[in-house]
Amino acid sequence: MLLWDDIDEIKEASPVLGSVSMLLNPMILVFTKKGRAMDAYHGAKSIDARGRLKFQFQSFIQYKPAYRTMMVLWKERNLSPEQTMDIIAELEQGDDNSGGAGRQIDYSDTFLGFDEAKQTEVHSVELPFSVSSLLLIFEKEKLDEKIAERTGLLNYMPTPWESVGDDNVQQRRVTYKLSNQISLFGTNVTSIQQKMIKADRHALHLDEVLTLHDVPFGDNFQIQVRKEMVDVSESPARTSCKVFVGVAWQKSTLFQNQISKNIFERYSKHLKEFVDVAVRELLFFKD
C-alpha cells in the first residue's frame, strides 16, 4: 500500500517517439521517497538512479481527470477527509463543465480495450519543406482546419494542444464529419492526435487514433494512423514523409477482413490527398 507521505513525485510518462501505445494507454508514474514504501516493493516497476521505487499506473477510464485528482490529493494530503471530498467534487464538477470551454481532452470514449495495431505503409513522398516549415500547419491559426475541410473533413473542431509529460509531446482531440466521398455513411469521427517533435526539430511524428461513429460495427474497431516526417536535406530543404495505417480490433466479426480492406482503400486515398493539399496550402502560405 502506498501512503501519500511516501510519495516524492507524480508525473505523466513521456511517450516514446514512433510508438502509439502511449496514445492508446497513457501512464502515470509515481516515485516514492528513498527508503519509503518498501512493503509495496513487489508492486514497483523498478528503482530509479536516486534509489526511489517507481510505480506505473495506466488503463484509466478518464486519464486527465485521474492525473489531476492524484496531484491535488497528494499536494493537499494534510486536509481533513471532508475537505478532501470537497476538492474531489470540485474537480469532477470542473470536468463536467470543461466540454463547453473546449479546453480539456476527453478520453472517456476512446481507448478502452484496444491494442496497438500492426500498421502498413500506404504513402511515401519527399516534400519541398523542412520539418520546421511543416510545423506551421499546426502553429498558424486555422491552417490545419482549412486543409482538413478541403479534403472532406467537415465541421473540423480541434481542441488546443496540451503538453503530455514533455514540452515536445502534445495531444489534442478533434471531431469532424467525413464527407460522402470518403464514407458512404457520412460518418462522425472522434480523433485523438499526438505530435512528437525531436528537440532539434528535424523530425516530427503525428499519431492518430480514430473512432468512427454511426457505421456498422463501429464499436468493434479503431483506425490508427502515423505520419513520420524527417528532414533529409537542408539545401534545398527536403523532408521524407511516410504514412502508415492500421486497424485495431476489439471484437471480431465475420466482416472483419472486408471492413479492414475498405478502410485501407478509402482512407489510404484520403491520406494521400491530405498530404497533397497540405503541400499546396503551405506553399501558398509561405509565398
Protein backbone atom coordinates (compact mmCIF):
# COMPACT_ATOMS: atom_id res chain seq x y z
CA MET A 1 0.00 0.00 0.00
CA LEU A 2 1.27 3.49 -0.88
CA LEU A 3 0.78 6.38 1.53
CA TRP A 4 0.62 9.96 0.27
CA ASP A 5 3.51 10.90 2.60
CA ASP A 6 5.68 8.20 0.99
CA ILE A 7 5.40 9.79 -2.47
CA ASP A 8 8.20 12.01 -3.73
CA GLU A 9 6.97 12.75 -7.26
CA ILE A 10 4.00 12.13 -9.58
CA LYS A 11 4.30 12.77 -13.30
CA GLU A 12 2.92 11.81 -16.69
CA ALA A 13 5.03 9.32 -18.62
CA SER A 14 6.71 10.78 -21.70
CA PRO A 15 5.70 8.92 -24.89
CA VAL A 16 8.36 7.15 -26.93
CA LEU A 17 8.92 8.66 -30.37
CA GLY A 18 7.33 6.45 -33.00
CA SER A 19 5.10 4.48 -30.63
CA VAL A 20 1.32 4.80 -30.50
CA SER A 21 0.97 2.63 -27.39
CA MET A 22 1.20 5.63 -25.05
CA LEU A 23 -1.52 7.37 -27.02
CA LEU A 24 -3.75 4.33 -26.60
CA ASN A 25 -2.96 3.80 -22.94
CA PRO A 26 -1.34 6.82 -21.21
CA MET A 27 0.51 6.22 -17.96
CA ILE A 28 1.07 7.98 -14.65
CA LEU A 29 4.39 7.41 -12.88
CA VAL A 30 4.68 7.60 -9.09
CA PHE A 31 8.06 7.77 -7.34
CA THR A 32 8.41 7.18 -3.60
CA LYS A 33 10.94 8.78 -1.31
CA LYS A 34 14.14 6.77 -0.95
CA GLY A 35 13.72 4.02 1.63
CA ARG A 36 9.93 4.50 1.90
CA ALA A 37 7.02 2.21 0.90
CA MET A 38 9.29 -0.86 0.99
CA ASP A 39 6.30 -3.05 1.90
CA ALA A 40 4.99 -2.28 -1.61
CA TYR A 41 8.31 -3.18 -3.26
CA HIS A 42 6.81 -6.18 -5.08
CA GLY A 43 4.46 -3.86 -6.98
CA ALA A 44 7.15 -1.43 -8.13
CA LYS A 45 8.14 -1.28 -11.80
CA SER A 46 11.78 -0.50 -10.99
CA ILE A 47 14.14 1.55 -8.83
CA ASP A 48 15.49 4.75 -10.36
CA ALA A 49 19.03 6.17 -10.14
CA ARG A 50 18.10 8.06 -6.96
CA GLY A 51 17.00 4.88 -5.20
CA ARG A 52 13.29 5.65 -5.43
CA LEU A 53 10.68 3.00 -6.12
CA LYS A 54 8.89 3.64 -9.41
CA PHE A 55 5.23 2.65 -9.80
CA GLN A 56 3.30 2.72 -13.06
CA PHE A 57 -0.47 3.26 -13.35
CA GLN A 58 -2.50 3.02 -16.57
CA SER A 59 -5.79 1.83 -18.14
CA PHE A 60 -7.79 4.79 -16.83
CA ILE A 61 -11.36 5.37 -17.91
CA GLN A 62 -10.58 9.12 -17.94
CA TYR A 63 -6.87 9.79 -17.84
CA LYS A 64 -6.62 13.57 -17.41
CA PRO A 65 -9.13 13.78 -14.51
CA ALA A 66 -7.34 10.87 -12.81
CA TYR A 67 -3.98 12.62 -13.08
CA ARG A 68 -5.33 15.94 -11.80
CA THR A 69 -7.07 14.23 -8.88
CA MET A 70 -3.91 12.34 -7.87
CA MET A 71 -1.84 15.53 -7.99
CA VAL A 72 -4.30 17.52 -5.89
CA LEU A 73 -4.80 14.78 -3.28
CA TRP A 74 -1.03 14.32 -2.95
CA LYS A 75 -0.27 18.03 -2.59
CA GLU A 76 -3.18 18.58 -0.21
CA ARG A 77 -2.65 15.35 1.76
CA ASN A 78 -2.91 17.10 5.13
CA LEU A 79 -6.52 18.15 4.59
CA SER A 80 -9.37 16.58 6.54
CA PRO A 81 -11.48 13.86 4.86
CA GLU A 82 -14.31 16.37 4.46
CA GLN A 83 -12.05 18.89 2.74
CA THR A 84 -10.64 16.16 0.50
CA MET A 85 -14.13 15.13 -0.62
CA ASP A 86 -14.97 18.77 -1.37
CA ILE A 87 -11.90 19.03 -3.63
CA ILE A 88 -12.80 15.83 -5.48
CA ALA A 89 -16.34 17.14 -6.00
CA GLU A 90 -14.95 20.41 -7.40
CA LEU A 91 -12.65 18.51 -9.77
CA GLU A 92 -15.50 16.36 -11.03
CA GLN A 93 -17.68 19.42 -11.50
CA GLY A 94 -14.88 21.10 -13.45
CA ASP A 95 -14.55 18.09 -15.75
CA ASP A 96 -18.29 18.08 -16.39
CA ASN A 97 -18.17 21.75 -17.39
CA SER A 98 -14.96 21.70 -19.39
CA GLY A 99 -16.55 20.44 -22.60
CA GLY A 100 -18.22 23.75 -23.30
CA ALA A 101 -14.96 25.62 -22.88
CA GLY A 102 -13.21 23.27 -25.25
CA ARG A 103 -10.03 23.16 -23.21
CA GLN A 104 -9.72 19.58 -21.94
CA ILE A 105 -9.25 16.31 -23.82
CA ASP A 106 -11.91 13.71 -23.01
CA TYR A 107 -10.62 10.16 -23.05
CA SER A 108 -13.83 8.51 -21.96
CA ASP A 109 -14.90 7.20 -25.36
CA THR A 110 -11.64 6.25 -27.00
CA PHE A 111 -9.08 3.87 -25.60
CA LEU A 112 -10.76 1.08 -23.67
CA GLY A 113 -9.79 -2.41 -24.73
CA PHE A 114 -7.82 -1.60 -27.88
CA ASP A 115 -4.21 -2.52 -28.60
CA GLU A 116 -1.61 -1.08 -30.92
CA ALA A 117 -2.38 -2.21 -34.45
CA LYS A 118 0.06 -3.59 -37.00
CA GLN A 119 0.49 -0.71 -39.42
CA THR A 120 1.09 -0.79 -43.17
CA GLU A 121 2.86 1.93 -45.13
CA VAL A 122 0.34 3.42 -47.57
CA HIS A 123 2.15 6.51 -48.84
CA SER A 124 5.73 7.76 -49.12
CA VAL A 125 6.83 11.06 -50.64
CA GLU A 126 9.50 13.74 -50.37
CA LEU A 127 8.18 17.20 -49.55
CA PRO A 128 9.82 20.51 -50.56
CA PHE A 129 9.94 21.77 -46.98
CA SER A 130 11.83 21.33 -43.76
CA VAL A 131 10.09 19.82 -40.71
CA SER A 132 10.15 23.29 -39.12
CA SER A 133 8.11 24.61 -42.06
CA LEU A 134 5.64 21.73 -41.82
CA LEU A 135 5.01 22.63 -38.18
CA LEU A 136 3.39 25.84 -39.44
CA ILE A 137 0.36 23.70 -40.31
CA PHE A 138 -0.31 23.27 -36.59
CA GLU A 139 1.11 26.56 -35.34
CA LYS A 140 -0.68 29.03 -37.64
CA GLU A 141 -4.30 29.65 -36.72
CA LYS A 142 -6.89 27.87 -38.86
CA LEU A 143 -4.36 26.49 -41.38
CA ASP A 144 -4.89 22.83 -40.49
CA GLU A 145 -8.65 23.41 -40.34
CA LYS A 146 -8.55 24.83 -43.88
CA ILE A 147 -6.60 21.80 -45.11
CA ALA A 148 -9.00 19.42 -43.37
CA GLU A 149 -12.11 20.96 -44.88
CA ARG A 150 -10.60 20.94 -48.38
CA THR A 151 -10.04 17.20 -48.06
CA GLY A 152 -13.56 16.29 -46.98
CA LEU A 153 -13.30 16.61 -43.18
CA LEU A 154 -16.38 18.69 -42.41
CA ASN A 155 -17.14 20.64 -39.22
CA TYR A 156 -13.50 20.18 -38.16
CA MET A 157 -13.24 21.17 -34.48
CA PRO A 158 -9.89 20.72 -32.69
CA THR A 159 -9.17 21.46 -29.05
CA PRO A 160 -5.95 23.32 -28.17
CA TRP A 161 -2.76 21.25 -27.95
CA GLU A 162 -1.81 20.15 -24.42
CA SER A 163 1.63 19.01 -23.29
CA VAL A 164 1.93 15.37 -22.18
CA GLY A 165 4.83 14.90 -19.80
CA ASP A 166 7.23 16.66 -22.18
CA ASP A 167 7.14 20.02 -23.96
CA ASN A 168 7.97 18.25 -27.22
CA VAL A 169 4.94 15.94 -26.93
CA GLN A 170 1.43 17.32 -27.24
CA GLN A 171 -2.08 15.93 -27.63
CA ARG A 172 -5.44 17.24 -28.69
CA ARG A 173 -8.92 15.96 -29.50
CA VAL A 174 -10.55 16.59 -32.89
CA THR A 175 -14.11 15.92 -34.02
CA TYR A 176 -15.32 16.12 -37.60
CA LYS A 177 -17.61 14.50 -40.15
CA LEU A 178 -16.36 12.58 -43.17
CA SER A 179 -17.82 13.65 -46.50
CA ASN A 180 -19.75 11.11 -48.57
CA GLN A 181 -16.76 10.83 -50.91
CA ILE A 182 -14.74 9.30 -48.06
CA SER A 183 -17.51 7.43 -46.27
CA LEU A 184 -20.86 6.36 -47.70
CA PHE A 185 -22.37 6.89 -44.25
CA GLY A 186 -21.19 10.49 -43.79
CA THR A 187 -19.54 9.28 -40.61
CA ASN A 188 -18.84 11.34 -37.49
CA VAL A 189 -15.29 10.87 -36.22
CA THR A 190 -13.52 11.40 -32.91
CA SER A 191 -9.75 11.62 -33.25
CA ILE A 192 -7.06 11.83 -30.59
CA GLN A 193 -3.91 13.30 -32.13
CA GLN A 194 -0.44 13.29 -30.64
CA LYS A 195 2.51 15.14 -32.17
CA MET A 196 6.06 14.42 -31.09
CA ILE A 197 8.85 16.74 -32.17
CA LYS A 198 12.52 15.92 -31.74
CA ALA A 199 14.43 18.53 -29.77
CA ASP A 200 16.41 19.57 -32.87
CA ARG A 201 13.13 19.99 -34.83
CA HIS A 202 14.40 17.73 -37.61
CA ALA A 203 11.77 15.00 -37.08
CA LEU A 204 8.03 15.06 -36.46
CA HIS A 205 5.74 12.11 -35.74
CA LEU A 206 1.98 12.59 -35.77
CA ASP A 207 -0.07 9.70 -34.36
CA GLU A 208 -3.86 9.50 -34.53
CA VAL A 209 -6.41 7.14 -33.04
CA LEU A 210 -9.76 7.48 -34.81
CA THR A 211 -13.13 6.24 -33.64
CA LEU A 212 -15.85 6.09 -36.32
CA HIS A 213 -19.41 6.63 -35.16
CA ASP A 214 -22.66 5.74 -36.94
CA VAL A 215 -21.12 2.94 -39.02
CA PRO A 216 -21.81 -0.81 -38.87
CA PHE A 217 -19.53 -2.49 -36.27
CA GLY A 218 -18.01 0.92 -35.43
CA ASP A 219 -17.70 -0.10 -31.77
CA ASN A 220 -15.53 -3.08 -32.74
CA PHE A 221 -12.52 -1.27 -34.18
CA GLN A 222 -10.39 1.87 -34.29
CA ILE A 223 -8.20 3.27 -37.06
CA GLN A 224 -4.62 4.12 -36.15
CA VAL A 225 -2.61 6.46 -38.38
CA ARG A 226 1.02 7.53 -38.15
CA LYS A 227 2.74 10.22 -40.22
CA GLU A 228 6.54 10.23 -39.95
CA MET A 229 8.35 13.31 -41.25
CA VAL A 230 12.16 13.56 -41.17
CA ASP A 231 14.49 16.13 -42.71
CA VAL A 232 16.68 14.57 -45.42
CA SER A 233 18.24 17.71 -46.91
CA GLU A 234 18.82 21.27 -45.76
CA SER A 235 19.72 22.87 -49.10
CA PRO A 236 17.37 22.56 -50.78
CA ALA A 237 15.01 21.80 -47.92
CA ARG A 238 13.52 18.31 -48.33
CA THR A 239 11.56 16.15 -45.90
CA SER A 240 10.73 12.47 -46.14
CA CYS A 241 7.06 11.83 -45.34
CA LYS A 242 5.75 8.32 -44.71
CA VAL A 243 2.15 7.48 -43.80
CA PHE A 244 1.07 4.27 -42.08
CA VAL A 245 -2.42 2.90 -41.38
CA GLY A 246 -3.59 0.08 -39.12
CA VAL A 247 -6.92 -1.22 -37.81
CA ALA A 248 -7.17 -2.33 -34.17
CA TRP A 249 -9.99 -4.77 -33.43
CA GLN A 250 -11.56 -5.22 -30.00
CA LYS A 251 -14.24 -7.68 -31.09
CA SER A 252 -14.06 -9.91 -34.16
CA THR A 253 -16.77 -10.11 -36.79
CA LEU A 254 -17.40 -12.14 -39.93
CA PHE A 255 -16.95 -8.92 -41.93
CA GLN A 256 -13.65 -8.00 -40.29
CA ASN A 257 -11.46 -8.60 -43.36
CA GLN A 258 -13.82 -6.74 -45.68
CA ILE A 259 -14.12 -3.78 -43.31
CA SER A 260 -10.33 -3.59 -42.93
CA LYS A 261 -9.91 -3.72 -46.71
CA ASN A 262 -12.43 -0.92 -47.23
CA ILE A 263 -10.73 1.22 -44.59
CA PHE A 264 -7.31 0.76 -46.17
CA GLU A 265 -8.61 1.57 -49.66
CA ARG A 266 -10.69 4.62 -48.76
CA TYR A 267 -8.50 6.03 -46.03
CA SER A 268 -5.24 5.50 -47.91
CA LYS A 269 -6.65 7.52 -50.82
CA HIS A 270 -7.81 10.23 -48.42
CA LEU A 271 -4.42 10.44 -46.66
CA LYS A 272 -2.56 10.85 -49.96
CA GLU A 273 -4.94 13.65 -50.91
CA PHE A 274 -4.49 15.21 -47.47
CA VAL A 275 -0.69 15.34 -47.94
CA ASP A 276 -1.05 16.83 -51.45
CA VAL A 277 -3.44 19.55 -50.28
CA ALA A 278 -1.24 20.34 -47.26
CA VAL A 279 1.74 20.88 -49.58
CA ARG A 280 -0.25 23.24 -51.83
CA GLU A 281 -1.64 25.23 -48.91
CA LEU A 282 1.76 25.51 -47.25
CA LEU A 283 3.39 26.68 -50.50
CA PHE A 284 0.65 29.32 -50.87
CA PHE A 285 1.01 30.35 -47.22
CA LYS A 286 4.80 30.73 -47.45
CA ASP A 287 4.51 32.77 -50.64
